[in-house]
PDB file of N, CA and C in Angstrom:
ATOM      1  N   MET A   1      -7.888   2.436 -14.233  1.00  0.00           N
ATOM      2  CA  MET A   1      -7.104   1.395 -14.873  1.00  0.00           C
ATOM      3  C   MET A   1      -5.576   0.989 -14.591  1.00  0.00           C
ATOM      4  N   GLU A   2      -5.404  -0.072 -14.289  1.00  0.00           N
ATOM      5  CA  GLU A   2      -3.854  -0.379 -13.576  1.00  0.00           C
ATOM      6  C   GLU A   2      -3.041  -0.124 -14.822  1.00  0.00           C
ATOM      7  N   ASN A   3      -1.515   0.308 -14.497  1.00  0.00           N
ATOM      8  CA  ASN A   3      -0.707   0.321 -15.416  1.00  0.00           C
ATOM      9  C   ASN A   3      -0.042  -1.018 -16.120  1.00  0.00           C
ATOM     10  N   GLU A   4       0.107  -1.019 -16.994  1.00  0.00           N
ATOM     11  CA  GLU A   4       0.403  -1.549 -17.936  1.00  0.00           C
ATOM     12  C   GLU A   4      -0.358  -3.096 -18.008  1.00  0.00           C
ATOM     13  N   SER A   5      -1.820  -2.528 -17.884  1.00  0.00           N
ATOM     14  CA  SER A   5      -2.990  -3.883 -18.069  1.00  0.00           C
ATOM     15  C   SER A   5      -3.660  -3.970 -19.371  1.00  0.00           C
ATOM     16  N   VAL A   6      -3.236  -3.540 -20.454  1.00  0.00           N
ATOM     17  CA  VAL A   6      -3.989  -3.763 -21.576  1.00  0.00           C
ATOM     18  C   VAL A   6      -3.230  -3.919 -22.604  1.00  0.00           C
ATOM     19  N   ASP A   7      -3.470  -4.879 -23.595  1.00  0.00           N
ATOM     20  CA  ASP A   7      -2.672  -5.459 -24.631  1.00  0.00           C
ATOM     21  C   ASP A   7      -2.977  -4.528 -26.273  1.00  0.00           C
ATOM     22  N   THR A   8      -3.920  -3.689 -26.089  1.00  0.00           N
ATOM     23  CA  THR A   8      -4.049  -3.061 -27.108  1.00  0.00           C
ATOM     24  C   THR A   8      -5.256  -1.689 -26.857  1.00  0.00           C
ATOM     25  N   VAL A   9      -4.655  -0.773 -27.544  1.00  0.00           N
ATOM     26  CA  VAL A   9      -5.870   0.479 -27.514  1.00  0.00           C
ATOM     27  C   VAL A   9      -6.263   0.531 -28.795  1.00  0.00           C
ATOM     28  N   VAL A  10      -7.316   1.031 -29.327  1.00  0.00           N
ATOM     29  CA  VAL A  10      -7.807   1.371 -30.576  1.00  0.00           C
ATOM     30  C   VAL A  10      -8.874   2.615 -30.388  1.00  0.00           C
ATOM     31  N   SER A  11      -8.505   3.782 -31.451  1.00  0.00           N
ATOM     32  CA  SER A  11      -9.131   4.916 -31.201  1.00  0.00           C
ATOM     33  C   SER A  11      -9.175   5.145 -32.686  1.00  0.00           C
ATOM     34  N   MET A  12     -10.408   5.120 -33.394  1.00  0.00           N
ATOM     35  CA  MET A  12     -10.710   5.298 -34.618  1.00  0.00           C
ATOM     36  C   MET A  12     -11.634   6.453 -35.049  1.00  0.00           C
ATOM     37  N   ASN A  13     -11.255   7.236 -35.487  1.00  0.00           N
ATOM     38  CA  ASN A  13     -11.827   8.972 -35.621  1.00  0.00           C
ATOM     39  C   ASN A  13     -12.365   9.257 -34.360  1.00  0.00           C
ATOM     40  N   GLY A  14     -11.804   9.305 -33.207  1.00  0.00           N
ATOM     41  CA  GLY A  14     -12.212   9.939 -31.848  1.00  0.00           C
ATOM     42  C   GLY A  14     -11.214  10.812 -31.240  1.00  0.00           C
ATOM     43  N   PHE A  15      -9.875  10.624 -31.664  1.00  0.00           N
ATOM     44  CA  PHE A  15      -9.016  11.295 -30.671  1.00  0.00           C
ATOM     45  C   PHE A  15      -9.250  12.755 -31.104  1.00  0.00           C
ATOM     46  N   HIS A  16      -9.471  13.498 -31.855  1.00  0.00           N
ATOM     47  CA  HIS A  16      -9.766  14.749 -32.354  1.00  0.00           C
ATOM     48  C   HIS A  16     -10.969  15.200 -31.430  1.00  0.00           C
ATOM     49  N   THR A  17     -11.544  14.422 -30.928  1.00  0.00           N
ATOM     50  CA  THR A  17     -12.849  15.170 -29.909  1.00  0.00           C
ATOM     51  C   THR A  17     -12.124  15.546 -28.716  1.00  0.00           C
ATOM     52  N   PHE A  18     -10.837  14.589 -28.008  1.00  0.00           N
ATOM     53  CA  PHE A  18     -10.408  15.055 -26.730  1.00  0.00           C
ATOM     54  C   PHE A  18      -9.966  15.916 -26.440  1.00  0.00           C
ATOM     55  N   LEU A  19     -10.257  16.850 -25.464  1.00  0.00           N
ATOM     56  CA  LEU A  19     -10.017  18.183 -24.803  1.00  0.00           C
ATOM     57  C   LEU A  19      -8.244  17.957 -24.578  1.00  0.00           C
ATOM     58  N   ASP A  20      -7.807  17.149 -24.063  1.00  0.00           N
ATOM     59  CA  ASP A  20      -6.735  17.280 -23.453  1.00  0.00           C
ATOM     60  C   ASP A  20      -5.815  16.027 -24.124  1.00  0.00           C
ATOM     61  N   LYS A  21      -5.389  16.321 -25.388  1.00  0.00           N
ATOM     62  CA  LYS A  21      -4.762  15.185 -26.109  1.00  0.00           C
ATOM     63  C   LYS A  21      -3.573  14.699 -25.627  1.00  0.00           C
ATOM     64  N   GLN A  22      -2.624  15.366 -24.878  1.00  0.00           N
ATOM     65  CA  GLN A  22      -1.336  15.387 -24.217  1.00  0.00           C
ATOM     66  C   GLN A  22      -1.581  14.185 -23.154  1.00  0.00           C
ATOM     67  N   LYS A  23      -2.634  14.770 -22.126  1.00  0.00           N
ATOM     68  CA  LYS A  23      -3.096  13.461 -21.341  1.00  0.00           C
ATOM     69  C   LYS A  23      -3.400  12.253 -21.860  1.00  0.00           C
ATOM     70  N   ALA A  24      -4.304  12.518 -22.894  1.00  0.00           N
ATOM     71  CA  ALA A  24      -4.783  10.778 -23.553  1.00  0.00           C
ATOM     72  C   ALA A  24      -3.543  10.114 -23.844  1.00  0.00           C
ATOM     73  N   PHE A  25      -2.629  10.939 -24.927  1.00  0.00           N
ATOM     74  CA  PHE A  25      -1.626   9.936 -25.208  1.00  0.00           C
ATOM     75  C   PHE A  25      -0.824   9.612 -24.279  1.00  0.00           C
ATOM     76  N   HIS A  26      -0.520   9.804 -23.216  1.00  0.00           N
ATOM     77  CA  HIS A  26       0.128   9.577 -21.903  1.00  0.00           C
ATOM     78  C   HIS A  26      -0.426   8.722 -21.267  1.00  0.00           C
ATOM     79  N   GLU A  27      -1.907   8.928 -21.366  1.00  0.00           N
ATOM     80  CA  GLU A  27      -2.514   7.431 -20.372  1.00  0.00           C
ATOM     81  C   GLU A  27      -2.797   6.395 -21.308  1.00  0.00           C
ATOM     82  N   ILE A  28      -2.838   6.609 -22.378  1.00  0.00           N
ATOM     83  CA  ILE A  28      -2.983   5.547 -23.342  1.00  0.00           C
ATOM     84  C   ILE A  28      -1.585   4.618 -23.254  1.00  0.00           C
ATOM     85  N   TRP A  29      -0.301   5.197 -23.167  1.00  0.00           N
ATOM     86  CA  TRP A  29       1.136   4.724 -23.105  1.00  0.00           C
ATOM     87  C   TRP A  29       1.091   4.153 -21.486  1.00  0.00           C
ATOM     88  N   ARG A  30       0.527   4.662 -20.507  1.00  0.00           N
ATOM     89  CA  ARG A  30       0.592   4.177 -18.981  1.00  0.00           C
ATOM     90  C   ARG A  30      -0.343   2.868 -19.091  1.00  0.00           C
ATOM     91  N   VAL A  31      -1.330   2.804 -19.812  1.00  0.00           N
ATOM     92  CA  VAL A  31      -2.017   1.609 -19.181  1.00  0.00           C
ATOM     93  C   VAL A  31      -1.671   0.469 -20.665  1.00  0.00           C
ATOM     94  N   LEU A  32      -0.991   0.751 -21.330  1.00  0.00           N
ATOM     95  CA  LEU A  32      -0.521  -0.233 -22.506  1.00  0.00           C
ATOM     96  C   LEU A  32       0.530  -1.452 -21.612  1.00  0.00           C
ATOM     97  N   LYS A  33       0.597  -2.509 -22.058  1.00  0.00           N
ATOM     98  CA  LYS A  33       1.656  -3.537 -21.385  1.00  0.00           C
ATOM     99  C   LYS A  33       2.727  -3.179 -22.291  1.00  0.00           C
ATOM    100  N   PRO A  34       3.904  -3.632 -22.027  1.00  0.00           N
ATOM    101  CA  PRO A  34       5.198  -3.554 -22.992  1.00  0.00           C
ATOM    102  C   PRO A  34       5.011  -4.725 -23.875  1.00  0.00           C
ATOM    103  N   GLY A  35       5.401  -3.966 -25.042  1.00  0.00           N
ATOM    104  CA  GLY A  35       4.826  -4.809 -26.079  1.00  0.00           C
ATOM    105  C   GLY A  35       3.507  -4.463 -26.921  1.00  0.00           C
ATOM    106  N   GLY A  36       2.614  -3.600 -26.149  1.00  0.00           N
ATOM    107  CA  GLY A  36       1.480  -3.546 -26.470  1.00  0.00           C
ATOM    108  C   GLY A  36       1.258  -2.485 -27.569  1.00  0.00           C
ATOM    109  N   ASP A  37      -0.118  -2.674 -28.580  1.00  0.00           N
ATOM    110  CA  ASP A  37      -0.296  -1.705 -29.684  1.00  0.00           C
ATOM    111  C   ASP A  37      -1.215  -0.553 -29.400  1.00  0.00           C
ATOM    112  N   PHE A  38      -0.863   0.488 -29.834  1.00  0.00           N
ATOM    113  CA  PHE A  38      -1.762   1.763 -29.829  1.00  0.00           C
ATOM    114  C   PHE A  38      -2.232   1.851 -31.203  1.00  0.00           C
ATOM    115  N   ILE A  39      -3.393   1.485 -31.815  1.00  0.00           N
ATOM    116  CA  ILE A  39      -3.861   1.664 -33.114  1.00  0.00           C
ATOM    117  C   ILE A  39      -4.770   2.853 -33.144  1.00  0.00           C
ATOM    118  N   ALA A  40      -4.465   3.834 -34.535  1.00  0.00           N
ATOM    119  CA  ALA A  40      -5.597   4.944 -34.270  1.00  0.00           C
ATOM    120  C   ALA A  40      -5.748   5.611 -35.491  1.00  0.00           C
ATOM    121  N   CYS A  41      -6.319   6.427 -35.908  1.00  0.00           N
ATOM    122  CA  CYS A  41      -6.502   7.481 -36.980  1.00  0.00           C
ATOM    123  C   CYS A  41      -7.389   8.229 -36.298  1.00  0.00           C
ATOM    124  N   PHE A  42      -7.216   9.602 -36.894  1.00  0.00           N
ATOM    125  CA  PHE A  42      -7.869  10.698 -36.615  1.00  0.00           C
ATOM    126  C   PHE A  42      -7.263  11.953 -37.730  1.00  0.00           C
ATOM    127  N   TYR A  43      -7.979  13.036 -37.482  1.00  0.00           N
ATOM    128  CA  TYR A  43      -7.826  14.106 -38.200  1.00  0.00           C
ATOM    129  C   TYR A  43      -6.464  15.122 -38.010  1.00  0.00           C
ATOM    130  N   ILE A  44      -5.423  15.415 -38.780  1.00  0.00           N
ATOM    131  CA  ILE A  44      -4.409  16.233 -38.681  1.00  0.00           C
ATOM    132  C   ILE A  44      -4.322  17.371 -39.307  1.00  0.00           C
ATOM    133  N   ARG A  45      -4.162  18.481 -38.954  1.00  0.00           N
ATOM    134  CA  ARG A  45      -4.183  19.782 -39.338  1.00  0.00           C
ATOM    135  C   ARG A  45      -2.904  20.057 -40.270  1.00  0.00           C
ATOM    136  N   GLY A  46      -2.925  21.085 -41.170  1.00  0.00           N
ATOM    137  CA  GLY A  46      -2.035  21.538 -42.237  1.00  0.00           C
ATOM    138  C   GLY A  46      -1.667  20.599 -43.346  1.00  0.00           C
ATOM    139  N   LYS A  47      -2.639  19.485 -43.612  1.00  0.00           N
ATOM    140  CA  LYS A  47      -2.469  18.912 -45.112  1.00  0.00           C
ATOM    141  C   LYS A  47      -3.586  19.360 -46.099  1.00  0.00           C
ATOM    142  N   LEU A  48      -4.573  19.802 -45.994  1.00  0.00           N
ATOM    143  CA  LEU A  48      -5.535  20.314 -46.675  1.00  0.00           C
ATOM    144  C   LEU A  48      -5.959  21.317 -46.147  1.00  0.00           C
ATOM    145  N   LYS A  49      -6.202  22.559 -47.127  1.00  0.00           N
ATOM    146  CA  LYS A  49      -6.650  23.763 -46.412  1.00  0.00           C
ATOM    147  C   LYS A  49      -8.199  23.812 -46.498  1.00  0.00           C
ATOM    148  N   ARG A  50      -9.074  23.240 -47.182  1.00  0.00           N
ATOM    149  CA  ARG A  50     -10.155  23.111 -47.153  1.00  0.00           C
ATOM    150  C   ARG A  50     -10.820  22.187 -46.026  1.00  0.00           C
ATOM    151  N   THR A  51     -10.161  21.130 -45.688  1.00  0.00           N
ATOM    152  CA  THR A  51     -10.520  20.319 -44.158  1.00  0.00           C
ATOM    153  C   THR A  51     -10.024  21.119 -42.969  1.00  0.00           C
ATOM    154  N   ASP A  52      -9.012  21.870 -43.448  1.00  0.00           N
ATOM    155  CA  ASP A  52      -8.520  22.781 -41.720  1.00  0.00           C
ATOM    156  C   ASP A  52      -9.640  23.564 -41.737  1.00  0.00           C
ATOM    157  N   TRP A  53     -10.279  24.712 -42.705  1.00  0.00           N
ATOM    158  CA  TRP A  53     -11.280  25.177 -42.882  1.00  0.00           C
ATOM    159  C   TRP A  53     -12.280  24.774 -42.150  1.00  0.00           C
ATOM    160  N   LEU A  54     -12.806  23.918 -42.823  1.00  0.00           N
ATOM    161  CA  LEU A  54     -14.066  23.128 -42.090  1.00  0.00           C
ATOM    162  C   LEU A  54     -14.145  22.604 -40.537  1.00  0.00           C
ATOM    163  N   VAL A  55     -12.930  22.063 -40.424  1.00  0.00           N
ATOM    164  CA  VAL A  55     -12.600  21.744 -38.775  1.00  0.00           C
ATOM    165  C   VAL A  55     -12.599  23.140 -38.064  1.00  0.00           C
ATOM    166  N   LYS A  56     -12.011  24.054 -38.247  1.00  0.00           N
ATOM    167  CA  LYS A  56     -11.693  25.114 -37.400  1.00  0.00           C
ATOM    168  C   LYS A  56     -13.124  26.032 -37.386  1.00  0.00           C
ATOM    169  N   ASN A  57     -13.909  26.188 -38.711  1.00  0.00           N
ATOM    170  CA  ASN A  57     -14.869  27.004 -38.583  1.00  0.00           C
ATOM    171  C   ASN A  57     -16.389  26.667 -38.728  1.00  0.00           C
ATOM    172  N   ILE A  58     -16.476  25.278 -38.668  1.00  0.00           N
ATOM    173  CA  ILE A  58     -17.798  24.368 -38.466  1.00  0.00           C
ATOM    174  C   ILE A  58     -17.645  23.335 -37.021  1.00  0.00           C
ATOM    175  N   LEU A  59     -16.945  22.634 -37.416  1.00  0.00           N
ATOM    176  CA  LEU A  59     -17.193  21.597 -36.689  1.00  0.00           C
ATOM    177  C   LEU A  59     -16.176  21.729 -35.428  1.00  0.00           C
ATOM    178  N   ALA A  60     -15.385  22.627 -35.045  1.00  0.00           N
ATOM    179  CA  ALA A  60     -14.954  22.759 -33.866  1.00  0.00           C
ATOM    180  C   ALA A  60     -16.077  23.513 -32.950  1.00  0.00           C
ATOM    181  N   LYS A  61     -16.588  24.681 -33.919  1.00  0.00           N
ATOM    182  CA  LYS A  61     -17.562  25.460 -33.385  1.00  0.00           C
ATOM    183  C   LYS A  61     -18.781  24.572 -32.632  1.00  0.00           C
ATOM    184  N   LYS A  62     -18.924  23.739 -33.579  1.00  0.00           N
ATOM    185  CA  LYS A  62     -20.188  22.892 -33.231  1.00  0.00           C
ATOM    186  C   LYS A  62     -20.040  21.756 -31.980  1.00  0.00           C
ATOM    187  N   GLY A  63     -18.654  21.557 -31.520  1.00  0.00           N
ATOM    188  CA  GLY A  63     -18.272  20.882 -30.832  1.00  0.00           C
ATOM    189  C   GLY A  63     -17.890  19.555 -30.805  1.00  0.00           C
ATOM    190  N   CYS A  64     -17.692  19.156 -32.597  1.00  0.00           N
ATOM    191  CA  CYS A  64     -17.250  17.658 -32.905  1.00  0.00           C
ATOM    192  C   CYS A  64     -15.839  17.548 -32.716  1.00  0.00           C
ATOM    193  N   PHE A  65     -15.272  18.913 -32.743  1.00  0.00           N
ATOM    194  CA  PHE A  65     -13.843  18.501 -32.835  1.00  0.00           C
ATOM    195  C   PHE A  65     -13.224  19.432 -31.728  1.00  0.00           C
ATOM    196  N   SER A  66     -12.371  19.014 -30.996  1.00  0.00           N
ATOM    197  CA  SER A  66     -11.932  20.029 -29.941  1.00  0.00           C
ATOM    198  C   SER A  66     -10.136  20.210 -30.337  1.00  0.00           C
ATOM    199  N   PRO A  67     -10.050  21.581 -30.222  1.00  0.00           N
ATOM    200  CA  PRO A  67      -8.277  22.123 -30.421  1.00  0.00           C
ATOM    201  C   PRO A  67      -7.733  21.667 -29.279  1.00  0.00           C
ATOM    202  N   PRO A  68      -6.269  21.716 -28.949  1.00  0.00           N
ATOM    203  CA  PRO A  68      -5.536  22.156 -30.381  1.00  0.00           C
ATOM    204  C   PRO A  68      -5.777  20.436 -31.465  1.00  0.00           C
ATOM    205  N   PHE A  69      -5.225  20.833 -32.475  1.00  0.00           N
ATOM    206  CA  PHE A  69      -4.939  19.768 -33.361  1.00  0.00           C
ATOM    207  C   PHE A  69      -3.402  19.919 -33.768  1.00  0.00           C
ATOM    208  N   GLN A  70      -2.856  18.377 -33.880  1.00  0.00           N
ATOM    209  CA  GLN A  70      -1.490  18.356 -33.932  1.00  0.00           C
ATOM    210  C   GLN A  70      -1.143  18.378 -35.754  1.00  0.00           C
ATOM    211  N   THR A  71      -0.005  18.563 -36.091  1.00  0.00           N
ATOM    212  CA  THR A  71       0.403  18.473 -37.525  1.00  0.00           C
ATOM    213  C   THR A  71       0.996  17.304 -37.488  1.00  0.00           C
ATOM    214  N   GLU A  72       1.050  16.764 -38.947  1.00  0.00           N
ATOM    215  CA  GLU A  72       2.229  15.433 -39.066  1.00  0.00           C
ATOM    216  C   GLU A  72       3.197  15.565 -38.160  1.00  0.00           C
ATOM    217  N   LYS A  73       3.978  16.487 -38.330  1.00  0.00           N
ATOM    218  CA  LYS A  73       5.233  16.583 -37.538  1.00  0.00           C
ATOM    219  C   LYS A  73       5.230  16.597 -36.023  1.00  0.00           C
ATOM    220  N   GLU A  74       4.379  17.065 -35.518  1.00  0.00           N
ATOM    221  CA  GLU A  74       4.054  17.127 -33.975  1.00  0.00           C
ATOM    222  C   GLU A  74       3.433  15.927 -33.536  1.00  0.00           C
ATOM    223  N   LEU A  75       2.645  15.359 -34.440  1.00  0.00           N
ATOM    224  CA  LEU A  75       2.240  13.824 -34.044  1.00  0.00           C
ATOM    225  C   LEU A  75       3.398  12.829 -33.868  1.00  0.00           C
ATOM    226  N   ARG A  76       4.168  12.916 -34.938  1.00  0.00           N
ATOM    227  CA  ARG A  76       5.311  11.895 -35.229  1.00  0.00           C
ATOM    228  C   ARG A  76       6.410  12.194 -34.023  1.00  0.00           C
ATOM    229  N   ASP A  77       6.622  13.537 -33.498  1.00  0.00           N
ATOM    230  CA  ASP A  77       7.453  13.730 -32.344  1.00  0.00           C
ATOM    231  C   ASP A  77       6.725  13.169 -31.251  1.00  0.00           C
ATOM    232  N   ILE A  78       5.350  13.392 -30.880  1.00  0.00           N
ATOM    233  CA  ILE A  78       4.890  12.769 -29.680  1.00  0.00           C
ATOM    234  C   ILE A  78       5.153  11.300 -29.411  1.00  0.00           C
ATOM    235  N   LEU A  79       4.848  10.558 -30.951  1.00  0.00           N
ATOM    236  CA  LEU A  79       4.647   9.051 -30.797  1.00  0.00           C
ATOM    237  C   LEU A  79       5.751   8.546 -30.661  1.00  0.00           C
ATOM    238  N   GLN A  80       7.016   9.144 -31.572  1.00  0.00           N
ATOM    239  CA  GLN A  80       8.359   8.669 -31.295  1.00  0.00           C
ATOM    240  C   GLN A  80       9.076   8.732 -30.134  1.00  0.00           C
ATOM    241  N   LYS A  81       8.430   9.943 -29.198  1.00  0.00           N
ATOM    242  CA  LYS A  81       9.228   9.572 -28.008  1.00  0.00           C
ATOM    243  C   LYS A  81       8.497   8.777 -26.798  1.00  0.00           C
ATOM    244  N   LEU A  82       7.540   8.590 -27.475  1.00  0.00           N
ATOM    245  CA  LEU A  82       6.556   7.376 -26.459  1.00  0.00           C
ATOM    246  C   LEU A  82       6.849   5.938 -26.528  1.00  0.00           C
ATOM    247  N   TYR A  83       6.942   5.615 -28.254  1.00  0.00           N
ATOM    248  CA  TYR A  83       6.959   4.142 -28.389  1.00  0.00           C
ATOM    249  C   TYR A  83       8.099   3.600 -29.032  1.00  0.00           C
ATOM    250  N   LYS A  84       8.326   2.359 -28.899  1.00  0.00           N
ATOM    251  CA  LYS A  84       9.753   1.871 -29.161  1.00  0.00           C
ATOM    252  C   LYS A  84       9.538   1.957 -31.091  1.00  0.00           C
ATOM    253  N   GLU A  85       8.290   1.514 -31.419  1.00  0.00           N
ATOM    254  CA  GLU A  85       8.092   1.284 -32.736  1.00  0.00           C
ATOM    255  C   GLU A  85       6.940   2.161 -33.169  1.00  0.00           C
ATOM    256  N   THR A  86       7.155   3.050 -34.640  1.00  0.00           N
ATOM    257  CA  THR A  86       5.998   3.629 -34.915  1.00  0.00           C
ATOM    258  C   THR A  86       5.770   3.296 -36.440  1.00  0.00           C
ATOM    259  N   ASP A  87       4.672   3.383 -36.863  1.00  0.00           N
ATOM    260  CA  ASP A  87       4.315   3.081 -38.128  1.00  0.00           C
ATOM    261  C   ASP A  87       3.242   3.652 -38.439  1.00  0.00           C
ATOM    262  N   ILE A  88       3.813   4.990 -39.281  1.00  0.00           N
ATOM    263  CA  ILE A  88       2.850   6.131 -39.634  1.00  0.00           C
ATOM    264  C   ILE A  88       2.260   6.385 -40.805  1.00  0.00           C
ATOM    265  N   HIS A  89       1.273   6.407 -41.303  1.00  0.00           N
ATOM    266  CA  HIS A  89       0.894   6.769 -42.770  1.00  0.00           C
ATOM    267  C   HIS A  89      -0.132   7.844 -42.838  1.00  0.00           C
ATOM    268  N   VAL A  90      -0.189   8.845 -43.882  1.00  0.00           N
ATOM    269  CA  VAL A  90      -0.879  10.063 -43.893  1.00  0.00           C
ATOM    270  C   VAL A  90      -1.880   9.711 -45.123  1.00  0.00           C
ATOM    271  N   ASP A  91      -2.977  10.368 -45.428  1.00  0.00           N
ATOM    272  CA  ASP A  91      -3.586  10.079 -46.184  1.00  0.00           C
ATOM    273  C   ASP A  91      -4.687  11.319 -46.392  1.00  0.00           C
ATOM    274  N   GLY A  92      -4.072  12.477 -46.964  1.00  0.00           N
ATOM    275  CA  GLY A  92      -4.920  13.743 -47.019  1.00  0.00           C
ATOM    276  C   GLY A  92      -4.800  14.517 -45.396  1.00  0.00           C
ATOM    277  N   SER A  93      -5.951  14.543 -45.002  1.00  0.00           N
ATOM    278  CA  SER A  93      -6.047  15.281 -43.565  1.00  0.00           C
ATOM    279  C   SER A  93      -5.988  14.185 -42.549  1.00  0.00           C
ATOM    280  N   MET A  94      -6.216  12.677 -42.823  1.00  0.00           N
ATOM    281  CA  MET A  94      -6.153  11.579 -42.004  1.00  0.00           C
ATOM    282  C   MET A  94      -4.688  11.128 -41.663  1.00  0.00           C
ATOM    283  N   VAL A  95      -4.261  10.710 -40.483  1.00  0.00           N
ATOM    284  CA  VAL A  95      -3.309  10.087 -40.100  1.00  0.00           C
ATOM    285  C   VAL A  95      -3.606   8.327 -39.704  1.00  0.00           C
ATOM    286  N   TYR A  96      -3.002   7.584 -39.938  1.00  0.00           N
ATOM    287  CA  TYR A  96      -3.334   6.167 -39.435  1.00  0.00           C
ATOM    288  C   TYR A  96      -2.057   5.675 -38.969  1.00  0.00           C
ATOM    289  N   PHE A  97      -2.160   5.221 -37.450  1.00  0.00           N
ATOM    290  CA  PHE A  97      -0.764   4.347 -37.449  1.00  0.00           C
ATOM    291  C   PHE A  97      -1.216   3.485 -36.266  1.00  0.00           C
ATOM    292  N   ARG A  98      -0.101   2.883 -36.099  1.00  0.00           N
ATOM    293  CA  ARG A  98       0.266   1.578 -35.018  1.00  0.00           C
ATOM    294  C   ARG A  98       1.688   1.779 -34.405  1.00  0.00           C
ATOM    295  N   CYS A  99       1.351   1.760 -32.804  1.00  0.00           N
ATOM    296  CA  CYS A  99       2.715   2.211 -32.096  1.00  0.00           C
ATOM    297  C   CYS A  99       3.015   0.987 -31.510  1.00  0.00           C
ATOM    298  N   VAL A 100       4.197   0.467 -31.062  1.00  0.00           N
ATOM    299  CA  VAL A 100       3.920  -0.361 -30.183  1.00  0.00           C
ATOM    300  C   VAL A 100       5.015   0.054 -29.021  1.00  0.00           C
ATOM    301  N   LYS A 101       4.816  -0.335 -27.807  1.00  0.00           N
ATOM    302  CA  LYS A 101       5.247   0.328 -26.393  1.00  0.00           C
ATOM    303  C   LYS A 101       6.320  -0.684 -26.350  1.00  0.00           C
TER     304      LYS A 101
END
Protein backbone atom coordinates (compact mmCIF):
# COMPACT_ATOMS: atom_id res chain seq x y z
CA MET A 1 0.00 0.00 0.00
CA GLU A 2 1.18 3.51 -0.75
CA ASN A 3 2.04 6.02 1.94
CA GLU A 4 -0.86 8.20 3.08
CA SER A 5 -3.38 6.38 0.86
CA VAL A 6 -6.12 5.37 3.33
CA ASP A 7 -8.78 7.50 5.03
CA THR A 8 -9.64 5.07 7.85
CA VAL A 9 -8.19 1.91 9.40
CA VAL A 10 -10.48 -0.18 11.61
CA SER A 11 -9.31 -3.08 13.77
CA MET A 12 -11.97 -4.60 15.99
CA ASN A 13 -10.73 -7.27 18.41
CA GLY A 14 -7.88 -8.27 16.13
CA PHE A 15 -4.78 -6.33 17.14
CA HIS A 16 -3.93 -8.76 19.94
CA THR A 17 -3.32 -11.45 17.29
CA PHE A 18 -0.51 -9.52 15.52
CA LEU A 19 2.95 -10.93 16.17
CA ASP A 20 4.76 -7.60 15.66
CA LYS A 21 2.47 -4.99 17.15
CA GLN A 22 5.04 -2.17 16.90
CA LYS A 23 5.36 -2.78 13.17
CA ALA A 24 1.56 -2.85 12.85
CA PHE A 25 1.19 0.48 14.68
CA HIS A 26 3.75 2.09 12.38
CA GLU A 27 2.32 0.52 9.22
CA ILE A 28 -1.16 1.83 10.06
CA TRP A 29 0.28 5.30 10.64
CA ARG A 30 2.23 5.11 7.36
CA VAL A 31 -0.79 4.31 5.18
CA LEU A 32 -3.19 6.78 6.83
CA LYS A 33 -3.73 10.10 5.10
CA PRO A 34 -3.20 13.25 7.17
CA GLY A 35 -6.42 13.67 9.14
CA GLY A 36 -7.17 9.95 8.73
CA ASP A 37 -8.72 7.86 11.51
CA PHE A 38 -7.40 4.76 13.25
CA ILE A 39 -10.30 3.15 15.12
CA ALA A 40 -9.76 0.01 17.17
CA CYS A 41 -10.52 -2.07 20.21
CA PHE A 42 -8.57 -4.93 21.73
CA TYR A 43 -7.34 -6.59 24.93
CA ILE A 44 -4.93 -4.76 27.22
CA ARG A 45 -2.92 -6.31 30.03
CA GLY A 46 -3.11 -5.41 33.69
CA LYS A 47 -6.76 -4.50 34.22
CA LEU A 48 -8.40 -7.78 35.31
CA LYS A 49 -6.35 -10.62 36.81
CA ARG A 50 -8.72 -13.33 35.59
CA THR A 51 -8.60 -12.02 32.01
CA ASP A 52 -4.81 -11.76 32.13
CA TRP A 53 -4.66 -15.35 33.39
CA LEU A 54 -7.00 -16.57 30.64
CA VAL A 55 -5.02 -14.81 27.92
CA LYS A 56 -1.62 -15.99 29.20
CA ASN A 57 -2.49 -19.57 30.13
CA ILE A 58 -5.07 -20.53 27.52
CA LEU A 59 -5.61 -18.12 24.63
CA ALA A 60 -1.93 -17.36 23.94
CA LYS A 61 -1.00 -21.04 24.21
CA LYS A 62 -3.72 -21.93 21.69
CA GLY A 63 -2.42 -19.24 19.32
CA CYS A 64 -5.55 -17.09 19.59
CA PHE A 65 -3.58 -14.20 21.14
CA SER A 66 0.05 -13.22 20.48
CA PRO A 67 2.24 -11.52 23.07
CA PRO A 68 3.48 -9.00 23.92
CA PHE A 69 0.37 -7.27 25.24
CA GLN A 70 0.37 -3.58 26.11
CA THR A 71 -0.80 -2.06 29.35
CA GLU A 72 -3.04 1.00 29.16
CA LYS A 73 -0.06 3.29 29.82
CA GLU A 74 2.12 1.62 27.19
CA LEU A 75 -0.64 1.91 24.61
CA ARG A 76 -1.33 5.56 25.46
CA ASP A 77 2.38 6.34 25.07
CA ILE A 78 2.52 4.65 21.65
CA LEU A 79 -0.62 6.31 20.31
CA GLN A 80 0.14 9.78 21.69
CA LYS A 81 3.58 9.74 20.04
CA LEU A 82 2.12 8.81 16.64
CA TYR A 83 -1.16 10.74 16.44
CA LYS A 84 -2.14 14.38 16.83
CA GLU A 85 -5.46 13.43 18.48
CA THR A 86 -6.27 10.42 20.65
CA ASP A 87 -9.56 9.47 22.29
CA ILE A 88 -8.95 6.39 24.43
CA HIS A 89 -11.44 4.57 26.67
CA VAL A 90 -10.94 1.48 28.83
CA ASP A 91 -13.65 -0.91 29.98
CA GLY A 92 -12.26 -3.81 31.98
CA SER A 93 -9.57 -5.47 29.88
CA MET A 94 -10.71 -3.84 26.65
CA VAL A 95 -9.47 -0.58 25.19
CA TYR A 96 -11.49 1.36 22.63
CA PHE A 97 -9.95 4.27 20.77
CA ARG A 98 -10.02 6.66 17.86
CA CYS A 99 -6.84 8.41 16.77
CA VAL A 100 -6.43 11.10 14.12
CA LYS A 101 -3.19 11.40 12.17
